[in-house]
Amino acid sequence: VQLQASGGGLVQPGGSLRLSCAAPGSIFDLNDMGWYRQAPGKQRELVAGITSGGRTKYTDYLKDRFSISRDSDSDKSTVHLQMNYLKPEDTAVYYCSADSWAAVVTARGQYWGQGTLVTVSS
């Protein structure tokens, strides 16, 4: 099962982007999900997570600028990451993940998206 991440791109400092991660309904309804990012030369870090019931968790220093949400239609569901007031240090490849909550928030999720590159630069 592959998660489909999209929405990355080049944005100027202070700008916004909205990332999306589409998942088949068969796993979305049963799984908690999260967004990770990995900057060049750094370890992958959790950005935000959201449970199947809508409870959220954020890395503390990002919670004022980033917002995670989820929605669904008849055959797929999508998790979004709204990123505002972007900074150059937010430049990274962003990955989505799905599994149980404990697995998602510790980067041990069974399902991962392919990654989408976010570049913040003037």
N, C-alpha and C. Protein backbone atom coordinates (compact mmCIF):
# COMPACT_ATOMS: atom_id res chain seq x y z
N VAL A 1 0.85 -1.18 0.00
CA VAL A 1 0.00 0.00 0.00
C VAL A 1 0.89 1.23 0.00
N GLN A 2 0.63 2.15 -0.88
CA GLN A 2 1.45 3.35 -1.00
C GLN A 2 0.62 4.58 -0.66
N LEU A 3 1.18 5.42 0.18
CA LEU A 3 0.58 6.71 0.43
C LEU A 3 1.10 7.69 -0.61
N GLN A 4 0.26 8.59 -1.09
CA GLN A 4 0.63 9.53 -2.15
C GLN A 4 0.72 10.93 -1.57
N ALA A 5 1.95 11.42 -1.43
CA ALA A 5 2.18 12.75 -0.89
C ALA A 5 2.34 13.76 -2.02
N SER A 6 1.83 14.96 -1.81
CA SER A 6 1.92 16.00 -2.83
C SER A 6 1.87 17.37 -2.17
N GLY A 7 2.16 18.40 -2.96
CA GLY A 7 2.01 19.77 -2.49
C GLY A 7 3.30 20.50 -2.21
N GLY A 8 4.43 19.84 -2.30
CA GLY A 8 5.70 20.50 -2.06
C GLY A 8 6.06 21.44 -3.19
N GLY A 9 7.10 22.22 -2.96
CA GLY A 9 7.55 23.16 -3.98
C GLY A 9 8.45 24.22 -3.40
N LEU A 10 8.70 25.23 -4.19
CA LEU A 10 9.54 26.36 -3.79
C LEU A 10 8.65 27.49 -3.29
N VAL A 11 8.97 28.01 -2.13
CA VAL A 11 8.19 29.11 -1.56
C VAL A 11 9.15 30.10 -0.90
N GLN A 12 8.79 31.35 -0.91
CA GLN A 12 9.62 32.37 -0.28
C GLN A 12 9.43 32.35 1.24
N PRO A 13 10.42 32.79 1.96
CA PRO A 13 10.27 32.90 3.42
C PRO A 13 9.03 33.72 3.77
N GLY A 14 8.30 33.24 4.75
CA GLY A 14 7.05 33.90 5.14
C GLY A 14 5.83 33.39 4.42
N GLY A 15 6.04 32.58 3.40
CA GLY A 15 4.93 32.05 2.62
C GLY A 15 4.30 30.82 3.24
N SER A 16 3.34 30.25 2.52
CA SER A 16 2.59 29.08 3.01
C SER A 16 2.56 27.99 1.94
N LEU A 17 2.43 26.78 2.41
CA LEU A 17 2.20 25.63 1.56
C LEU A 17 1.25 24.67 2.28
N ARG A 18 0.53 23.92 1.48
CA ARG A 18 -0.34 22.89 2.04
C ARG A 18 0.03 21.55 1.41
N LEU A 19 0.51 20.64 2.23
CA LEU A 19 0.84 19.31 1.77
C LEU A 19 -0.36 18.39 1.96
N SER A 20 -0.47 17.42 1.07
CA SER A 20 -1.55 16.44 1.17
C SER A 20 -0.99 15.04 1.04
N CYS A 21 -1.62 14.10 1.71
CA CYS A 21 -1.21 12.70 1.65
C CYS A 21 -2.48 11.87 1.51
N ALA A 22 -2.62 11.21 0.38
CA ALA A 22 -3.81 10.42 0.10
C ALA A 22 -3.58 8.96 0.46
N ALA A 23 -4.54 8.38 1.12
CA ALA A 23 -4.45 6.99 1.54
C ALA A 23 -5.72 6.25 1.15
N PRO A 24 -5.59 4.97 0.76
CA PRO A 24 -6.80 4.19 0.49
C PRO A 24 -7.68 4.14 1.72
N GLY A 25 -8.96 4.14 1.51
CA GLY A 25 -9.86 4.11 2.65
C GLY A 25 -9.65 2.91 3.54
N SER A 26 -9.14 1.81 2.98
CA SER A 26 -8.95 0.58 3.74
C SER A 26 -7.96 0.73 4.88
N ILE A 27 -6.99 1.63 4.74
CA ILE A 27 -6.05 1.81 5.84
C ILE A 27 -6.31 3.11 6.57
N PHE A 28 -6.85 4.09 5.89
CA PHE A 28 -7.03 5.39 6.52
C PHE A 28 -7.93 5.30 7.74
N ASP A 29 -9.03 4.58 7.62
CA ASP A 29 -10.01 4.56 8.70
C ASP A 29 -9.48 3.86 9.94
N LEU A 30 -8.49 3.02 9.77
CA LEU A 30 -7.99 2.23 10.89
C LEU A 30 -6.66 2.73 11.42
N ASN A 31 -6.13 3.72 10.81
CA ASN A 31 -4.78 4.10 11.15
C ASN A 31 -4.66 5.57 11.54
N ASP A 32 -3.75 5.77 12.46
CA ASP A 32 -3.32 7.11 12.78
C ASP A 32 -2.27 7.52 11.77
N MET A 33 -2.08 8.81 11.58
CA MET A 33 -1.18 9.27 10.53
C MET A 33 -0.32 10.42 11.02
N GLY A 34 0.78 10.60 10.33
CA GLY A 34 1.67 11.68 10.72
C GLY A 34 2.49 12.18 9.55
N TRP A 35 3.07 13.34 9.76
CA TRP A 35 4.01 13.94 8.82
C TRP A 35 5.38 14.02 9.47
N TYR A 36 6.38 13.61 8.71
CA TYR A 36 7.78 13.73 9.12
C TYR A 36 8.50 14.61 8.11
N ARG A 37 9.65 15.07 8.50
CA ARG A 37 10.50 15.76 7.54
C ARG A 37 11.96 15.39 7.78
N GLN A 38 12.72 15.48 6.70
CA GLN A 38 14.14 15.20 6.80
C GLN A 38 14.90 16.23 5.98
N ALA A 39 15.67 17.04 6.67
CA ALA A 39 16.49 18.04 6.02
C ALA A 39 17.84 17.42 5.65
N PRO A 40 18.54 18.00 4.69
CA PRO A 40 19.84 17.45 4.30
C PRO A 40 20.79 17.34 5.48
N GLY A 41 21.36 16.16 5.66
CA GLY A 41 22.33 15.95 6.72
C GLY A 41 21.74 15.80 8.11
N LYS A 42 20.41 15.74 8.20
CA LYS A 42 19.75 15.63 9.50
C LYS A 42 18.88 14.39 9.57
N GLN A 43 18.54 14.03 10.79
CA GLN A 43 17.66 12.89 10.98
C GLN A 43 16.22 13.25 10.68
N ARG A 44 15.46 12.24 10.33
CA ARG A 44 14.03 12.45 10.11
C ARG A 44 13.38 12.79 11.43
N GLU A 45 12.51 13.80 11.43
CA GLU A 45 11.85 14.21 12.66
C GLU A 45 10.34 14.29 12.46
N LEU A 46 9.62 14.02 13.53
CA LEU A 46 8.16 14.12 13.50
C LEU A 46 7.76 15.59 13.44
N VAL A 47 6.85 15.90 12.53
CA VAL A 47 6.30 17.25 12.44
C VAL A 47 4.96 17.32 13.18
N ALA A 48 4.07 16.39 12.83
CA ALA A 48 2.75 16.36 13.45
C ALA A 48 2.11 15.00 13.22
N GLY A 49 1.19 14.64 14.10
CA GLY A 49 0.44 13.41 13.95
C GLY A 49 -1.02 13.66 14.23
N ILE A 50 -1.87 12.79 13.70
CA ILE A 50 -3.30 12.90 13.93
C ILE A 50 -3.88 11.50 14.04
N THR A 51 -4.68 11.27 15.07
CA THR A 51 -5.27 9.96 15.27
C THR A 51 -6.48 9.77 14.37
N SER A 52 -6.98 8.54 14.31
CA SER A 52 -8.18 8.27 13.52
C SER A 52 -9.38 9.05 14.07
N GLY A 53 -9.31 9.40 15.34
CA GLY A 53 -10.37 10.18 15.94
C GLY A 53 -10.17 11.68 15.88
N GLY A 54 -9.06 12.12 15.32
CA GLY A 54 -8.83 13.54 15.14
C GLY A 54 -7.96 14.21 16.19
N ARG A 55 -7.46 13.45 17.14
CA ARG A 55 -6.56 14.05 18.13
C ARG A 55 -5.22 14.34 17.47
N THR A 56 -4.62 15.46 17.81
CA THR A 56 -3.39 15.88 17.15
C THR A 56 -2.22 15.99 18.12
N LYS A 57 -1.03 15.90 17.54
CA LYS A 57 0.21 16.08 18.29
C LYS A 57 1.17 16.81 17.38
N TYR A 58 1.89 17.77 17.93
CA TYR A 58 2.85 18.54 17.16
C TYR A 58 4.20 18.57 17.86
N THR A 59 5.24 18.65 17.07
CA THR A 59 6.53 19.02 17.63
C THR A 59 6.39 20.45 18.14
N ASP A 60 6.82 20.67 19.38
CA ASP A 60 6.51 21.92 20.08
C ASP A 60 6.85 23.18 19.28
N TYR A 61 8.01 23.22 18.69
CA TYR A 61 8.44 24.47 18.09
C TYR A 61 7.81 24.71 16.72
N LEU A 62 6.98 23.76 16.25
CA LEU A 62 6.29 23.95 14.98
C LEU A 62 4.79 24.21 15.14
N LYS A 63 4.25 23.98 16.31
CA LYS A 63 2.80 23.97 16.46
C LYS A 63 2.14 25.32 16.22
N ASP A 64 2.88 26.37 16.35
CA ASP A 64 2.28 27.69 16.10
C ASP A 64 2.19 28.02 14.62
N ARG A 65 2.90 27.29 13.80
CA ARG A 65 2.92 27.60 12.36
C ARG A 65 2.33 26.48 11.50
N PHE A 66 2.31 25.26 12.00
CA PHE A 66 1.85 24.12 11.22
C PHE A 66 0.54 23.57 11.79
N SER A 67 -0.30 23.03 10.89
CA SER A 67 -1.58 22.48 11.32
C SER A 67 -1.89 21.22 10.51
N ILE A 68 -2.23 20.15 11.21
CA ILE A 68 -2.55 18.88 10.55
C ILE A 68 -4.05 18.64 10.60
N SER A 69 -4.61 18.08 9.54
CA SER A 69 -6.04 17.77 9.50
C SER A 69 -6.24 16.56 8.60
N ARG A 70 -7.46 16.01 8.63
CA ARG A 70 -7.75 14.86 7.78
C ARG A 70 -9.18 14.92 7.30
N ASP A 71 -9.44 14.41 6.10
CA ASP A 71 -10.80 14.32 5.58
C ASP A 71 -10.90 13.10 4.68
N SER A 72 -12.11 12.75 4.29
CA SER A 72 -12.31 11.54 3.50
C SER A 72 -13.48 11.70 2.55
N ASP A 73 -13.44 10.91 1.45
CA ASP A 73 -14.60 10.80 0.58
C ASP A 73 -14.89 9.31 0.36
N SER A 74 -15.55 8.95 -0.70
CA SER A 74 -16.05 7.58 -0.83
C SER A 74 -14.95 6.54 -1.01
N ASP A 75 -13.81 6.92 -1.63
CA ASP A 75 -12.82 5.87 -1.90
C ASP A 75 -11.42 6.17 -1.42
N LYS A 76 -11.20 7.32 -0.89
CA LYS A 76 -9.89 7.63 -0.34
C LYS A 76 -10.01 8.69 0.72
N SER A 77 -8.93 8.82 1.47
CA SER A 77 -8.90 9.83 2.52
C SER A 77 -7.57 10.56 2.47
N THR A 78 -7.57 11.75 2.97
CA THR A 78 -6.40 12.60 2.83
C THR A 78 -6.06 13.28 4.14
N VAL A 79 -4.76 13.29 4.42
CA VAL A 79 -4.26 14.05 5.55
C VAL A 79 -3.52 15.26 5.00
N HIS A 80 -3.76 16.42 5.58
CA HIS A 80 -3.15 17.66 5.12
C HIS A 80 -2.21 18.21 6.17
N LEU A 81 -1.21 18.92 5.70
CA LEU A 81 -0.33 19.67 6.58
C LEU A 81 -0.27 21.10 6.06
N GLN A 82 -0.90 22.00 6.77
CA GLN A 82 -0.86 23.41 6.42
C GLN A 82 0.34 24.04 7.09
N MET A 83 1.21 24.64 6.29
CA MET A 83 2.45 25.23 6.81
C MET A 83 2.44 26.72 6.50
N ASN A 84 2.51 27.52 7.54
CA ASN A 84 2.48 28.98 7.40
C ASN A 84 3.77 29.60 7.91
N TYR A 85 4.02 30.83 7.48
CA TYR A 85 5.21 31.58 7.92
C TYR A 85 6.47 30.74 7.77
N LEU A 86 6.62 30.16 6.62
CA LEU A 86 7.72 29.24 6.39
C LEU A 86 9.06 29.94 6.47
N LYS A 87 10.04 29.19 6.96
CA LYS A 87 11.40 29.69 7.15
C LYS A 87 12.37 28.83 6.34
N PRO A 88 13.52 29.35 6.02
CA PRO A 88 14.50 28.54 5.28
C PRO A 88 14.81 27.22 5.99
N GLU A 89 14.80 27.22 7.31
CA GLU A 89 15.09 25.97 8.04
C GLU A 89 13.98 24.94 7.96
N ASP A 90 12.86 25.31 7.36
CA ASP A 90 11.80 24.33 7.10
C ASP A 90 12.07 23.53 5.82
N THR A 91 13.10 23.90 5.09
CA THR A 91 13.44 23.18 3.87
C THR A 91 13.77 21.73 4.20
N ALA A 92 13.08 20.81 3.55
CA ALA A 92 13.25 19.38 3.84
C ALA A 92 12.38 18.59 2.88
N VAL A 93 12.60 17.29 2.88
CA VAL A 93 11.65 16.38 2.24
C VAL A 93 10.64 15.97 3.31
N TYR A 94 9.38 16.12 2.99
CA TYR A 94 8.30 15.82 3.94
C TYR A 94 7.66 14.49 3.56
N TYR A 95 7.51 13.63 4.56
CA TYR A 95 6.96 12.30 4.36
C TYR A 95 5.71 12.12 5.21
N CYS A 96 4.73 11.39 4.68
CA CYS A 96 3.60 11.02 5.50
C CYS A 96 3.70 9.55 5.86
N SER A 97 3.08 9.20 6.96
CA SER A 97 3.16 7.84 7.47
C SER A 97 1.83 7.45 8.09
N ALA A 98 1.54 6.15 8.09
CA ALA A 98 0.29 5.67 8.68
C ALA A 98 0.53 4.33 9.38
N ASP A 99 -0.09 4.18 10.53
CA ASP A 99 -0.04 2.94 11.30
C ASP A 99 -0.72 3.22 12.64
N SER A 100 -0.42 2.42 13.64
CA SER A 100 -0.91 2.73 14.98
C SER A 100 -0.21 3.98 15.50
N TRP A 101 -0.80 4.60 16.50
CA TRP A 101 -0.25 5.84 17.02
C TRP A 101 1.18 5.68 17.52
N ALA A 102 1.43 4.63 18.27
CA ALA A 102 2.77 4.42 18.82
C ALA A 102 3.80 4.25 17.71
N ALA A 103 3.41 3.59 16.65
CA ALA A 103 4.34 3.39 15.53
C ALA A 103 4.55 4.70 14.76
N VAL A 104 3.48 5.41 14.53
CA VAL A 104 3.58 6.65 13.75
C VAL A 104 4.48 7.67 14.44
N VAL A 105 4.28 7.88 15.72
CA VAL A 105 5.03 8.95 16.40
C VAL A 105 6.47 8.56 16.72
N THR A 106 6.84 7.33 16.46
CA THR A 106 8.22 6.89 16.65
C THR A 106 8.87 6.48 15.34
N ALA A 107 8.30 6.90 14.23
CA ALA A 107 8.85 6.65 12.89
C ALA A 107 8.91 5.17 12.54
N ARG A 108 8.05 4.38 13.12
CA ARG A 108 8.01 2.95 12.82
C ARG A 108 6.75 2.57 12.07
N GLY A 109 6.10 3.55 11.43
CA GLY A 109 4.88 3.27 10.71
C GLY A 109 5.08 2.27 9.58
N GLN A 110 4.07 1.46 9.33
CA GLN A 110 4.14 0.45 8.27
C GLN A 110 4.04 1.08 6.88
N TYR A 111 3.27 2.14 6.77
CA TYR A 111 3.01 2.76 5.48
C TYR A 111 3.67 4.14 5.41
N TRP A 112 4.30 4.40 4.27
CA TRP A 112 4.97 5.68 4.06
C TRP A 112 4.68 6.20 2.66
N GLY A 113 4.62 7.51 2.54
CA GLY A 113 4.56 8.14 1.24
C GLY A 113 5.96 8.30 0.66
N GLN A 114 6.01 8.74 -0.58
CA GLN A 114 7.29 8.83 -1.29
C GLN A 114 8.08 10.08 -0.94
N GLY A 115 7.49 11.01 -0.25
CA GLY A 115 8.18 12.24 0.11
C GLY A 115 7.90 13.34 -0.89
N THR A 116 7.77 14.55 -0.39
CA THR A 116 7.59 15.71 -1.24
C THR A 116 8.52 16.82 -0.75
N LEU A 117 9.26 17.42 -1.67
CA LEU A 117 10.30 18.38 -1.30
C LEU A 117 9.71 19.77 -1.11
N VAL A 118 10.03 20.36 0.02
CA VAL A 118 9.69 21.74 0.31
C VAL A 118 10.98 22.54 0.40
N THR A 119 11.06 23.58 -0.40
CA THR A 119 12.23 24.45 -0.39
C THR A 119 11.78 25.86 -0.08
N VAL A 120 12.34 26.41 0.98
CA VAL A 120 12.01 27.77 1.39
C VAL A 120 13.23 28.65 1.13
N SER A 121 13.09 29.52 0.15
CA SER A 121 14.23 30.33 -0.27
C SER A 121 13.75 31.55 -1.02
N SER A 122 14.51 32.62 -0.88
CA SER A 122 14.20 33.84 -1.64
C SER A 122 14.98 33.87 -2.94
